[in-house]
């Protein structure tokens, strides 16, 4: 199952990490600094 999580704040990041154990997760955020930090 593919899951998209919008917003990488406290709740969004926690959900993305939890769900990524068994599913493909795409994380989306509007702040370029957050996106860059997550990708690194």
C-alpha atoms as a PDB file:
ATOM      1  CA  UNK A   1       0.000   0.000   0.000  1.00  0.00           C
ATOM      2  CA  UNK A   2       1.241   3.505  -0.843  1.00  0.00           C
ATOM      3  CA  UNK A   3       0.611   6.163   1.805  1.00  0.00           C
ATOM      4  CA  UNK A   4       1.136   9.913   1.592  1.00  0.00           C
ATOM      5  CA  UNK A   5       1.602  11.973   4.756  1.00  0.00           C
ATOM      6  CA  UNK A   6       1.144  15.719   4.353  1.00  0.00           C
ATOM      7  CA  UNK A   7       2.991  17.863   6.878  1.00  0.00           C
ATOM      8  CA  UNK A   8       6.179  16.781   8.619  1.00  0.00           C
ATOM      9  CA  UNK A   9       5.516  18.279  12.013  1.00  0.00           C
ATOM     10  CA  UNK A  10       5.438  16.305  15.252  1.00  0.00           C
ATOM     11  CA  UNK A  11       2.441  14.153  14.281  1.00  0.00           C
ATOM     12  CA  UNK A  12       3.180  13.775  10.560  1.00  0.00           C
ATOM     13  CA  UNK A  13       6.773  12.653  11.094  1.00  0.00           C
ATOM     14  CA  UNK A  14       5.716  10.143  13.752  1.00  0.00           C
ATOM     15  CA  UNK A  15       3.038   8.682  11.485  1.00  0.00           C
ATOM     16  CA  UNK A  16       5.404   8.478   8.516  1.00  0.00           C
ATOM     17  CA  UNK A  17       8.043   6.619  10.537  1.00  0.00           C
ATOM     18  CA  UNK A  18       5.491   4.260  12.067  1.00  0.00           C
ATOM     19  CA  UNK A  19       3.825   3.435   8.745  1.00  0.00           C
ATOM     20  CA  UNK A  20       7.095   3.073   6.809  1.00  0.00           C
ATOM     21  CA  UNK A  21       7.799  -0.209   8.582  1.00  0.00           C
ATOM     22  CA  UNK A  22       5.221  -2.036   6.463  1.00  0.00           C
ATOM     23  CA  UNK A  23       4.176   0.383   3.701  1.00  0.00           C
ATOM     24  CA  UNK A  24       5.698   2.690   1.103  1.00  0.00           C
ATOM     25  CA  UNK A  25       5.397   6.235   2.495  1.00  0.00           C
ATOM     26  CA  UNK A  26       5.693   9.559   0.653  1.00  0.00           C
ATOM     27  CA  UNK A  27       6.114  12.578   2.913  1.00  0.00           C
ATOM     28  CA  UNK A  28       5.133  16.079   1.747  1.00  0.00           C
ATOM     29  CA  UNK A  29       5.887  19.435   3.367  1.00  0.00           C
ATOM     30  CA  UNK A  30       5.936  23.035   2.145  1.00  0.00           C
ATOM     31  CA  UNK A  31       9.138  24.061   3.954  1.00  0.00           C
ATOM     32  CA  UNK A  32      12.196  23.382   1.770  1.00  0.00           C
ATOM     33  CA  UNK A  33      14.480  23.197   4.829  1.00  0.00           C
ATOM     34  CA  UNK A  34      12.469  20.319   6.308  1.00  0.00           C
ATOM     35  CA  UNK A  35      12.380  18.455   3.017  1.00  0.00           C
ATOM     36  CA  UNK A  36      16.131  18.800   2.594  1.00  0.00           C
ATOM     37  CA  UNK A  37      16.813  17.643   6.178  1.00  0.00           C
ATOM     38  CA  UNK A  38      14.567  14.607   5.794  1.00  0.00           C
ATOM     39  CA  UNK A  39      16.158  13.627   2.481  1.00  0.00           C
ATOM     40  CA  UNK A  40      19.643  13.859   3.923  1.00  0.00           C
END
